[in-house]
Amino acid sequence: MSTTNIASQDLKTALGGLTPTQMRVLEGVNSGLLNKQIAFDLGIAEATVKAHMTALMRKLNVHNRTQAAIAAQSLVQGLRSAGG
């Protein structure tokens, strides 16, 4: 197994450990939305979005929202490649 596959598998595992709300927050970040916009869309406080961001960045082992979005995009691209 190549290191790319290992990294991809680790990312899949990390994403699988996210809560449904954390996944929705990550989708918002991936779409380029601000925390305030994500909070409005999900009907939660902006502080709650920040708490979810902190937790999901820890789970994905990234240091900022850009890296979180890149990680999510990498997984999506990997799934598309594997599936079709």
Protein backbone atom coordinates (compact mmCIF):
# COMPACT_ATOMS: atom_id res chain seq x y z
CA MET A 1 0.00 0.00 0.00
CA SER A 2 1.43 3.38 -0.97
CA THR A 3 1.75 6.29 1.44
CA THR A 4 -0.93 8.11 -0.58
CA ASN A 5 -3.35 5.26 0.06
CA ILE A 6 -2.42 5.22 3.74
CA ALA A 7 -2.97 8.98 4.03
CA SER A 8 -6.26 8.64 2.18
CA GLN A 9 -7.35 5.82 4.49
CA ASP A 10 -6.43 7.92 7.56
CA LEU A 11 -8.48 10.79 6.14
CA LYS A 12 -11.46 8.50 5.50
CA THR A 13 -11.23 7.26 9.07
CA ALA A 14 -11.02 10.82 10.42
CA LEU A 15 -13.97 11.99 8.33
CA GLY A 16 -15.94 8.96 9.46
CA GLY A 17 -15.39 10.09 13.05
CA LEU A 18 -17.05 13.47 12.47
CA THR A 19 -20.54 14.12 13.78
CA PRO A 20 -23.28 14.97 11.28
CA THR A 21 -23.13 18.64 12.34
CA GLN A 22 -19.34 18.69 11.98
CA MET A 23 -19.77 17.27 8.46
CA ARG A 24 -22.26 20.04 7.61
CA VAL A 25 -19.86 22.67 9.00
CA LEU A 26 -17.05 21.17 6.91
CA GLU A 27 -19.28 21.26 3.82
CA GLY A 28 -19.90 24.96 4.49
CA VAL A 29 -16.18 25.63 4.84
CA ASN A 30 -15.56 23.64 1.66
CA SER A 31 -18.12 25.88 -0.08
CA GLY A 32 -16.23 28.97 1.06
CA LEU A 33 -18.80 30.14 3.59
CA LEU A 34 -17.92 32.24 6.61
CA ASN A 35 -18.69 30.95 10.12
CA LYS A 36 -21.55 33.46 10.35
CA GLN A 37 -23.09 32.11 7.13
CA ILE A 38 -22.67 28.49 8.22
CA ALA A 39 -24.28 29.33 11.58
CA PHE A 40 -27.25 30.95 9.84
CA ASP A 41 -27.68 28.03 7.42
CA LEU A 42 -27.58 25.47 10.25
CA GLY A 43 -29.62 27.53 12.72
CA ILE A 44 -26.87 27.50 15.34
CA ALA A 45 -24.74 30.17 17.02
CA GLU A 46 -21.52 31.32 15.41
CA ALA A 47 -19.68 30.27 18.59
CA THR A 48 -21.04 26.75 18.08
CA VAL A 49 -19.66 26.71 14.53
CA LYS A 50 -16.27 27.74 15.93
CA ALA A 51 -16.43 24.90 18.47
CA HIS A 52 -17.28 22.40 15.72
CA MET A 53 -14.42 23.76 13.59
CA THR A 54 -11.96 23.28 16.45
CA ALA A 55 -13.13 19.70 16.99
CA LEU A 56 -13.12 18.72 13.33
CA MET A 57 -9.69 20.28 12.72
CA ARG A 58 -8.36 18.22 15.63
CA LYS A 59 -9.96 15.06 14.23
CA LEU A 60 -8.59 15.75 10.73
CA ASN A 61 -5.18 16.67 12.16
CA VAL A 62 -5.09 20.02 10.35
CA HIS A 63 -4.26 23.49 11.61
CA ASN A 64 -6.65 25.80 9.76
CA ARG A 65 -9.90 25.85 7.82
CA THR A 66 -8.13 25.90 4.46
CA GLN A 67 -6.36 22.64 5.29
CA ALA A 68 -9.68 21.18 6.47
CA ALA A 69 -11.32 22.08 3.15
CA ILE A 70 -8.39 20.63 1.20
CA ALA A 71 -8.62 17.41 3.22
CA ALA A 72 -12.33 17.12 2.45
CA GLN A 73 -11.74 17.82 -1.25
CA SER A 74 -8.96 15.22 -1.36
CA LEU A 75 -11.29 12.58 0.00
CA VAL A 76 -14.08 13.54 -2.43
CA GLN A 77 -11.64 13.34 -5.35
CA GLY A 78 -10.37 9.98 -4.11
CA LEU A 79 -13.87 8.60 -3.84
CA ARG A 80 -14.72 9.83 -7.34
CA SER A 81 -11.57 8.21 -8.74
CA ALA A 82 -12.24 4.91 -6.98
CA GLY A 83 -15.90 4.84 -7.93
CA GLY A 84 -15.82 5.76 -11.47
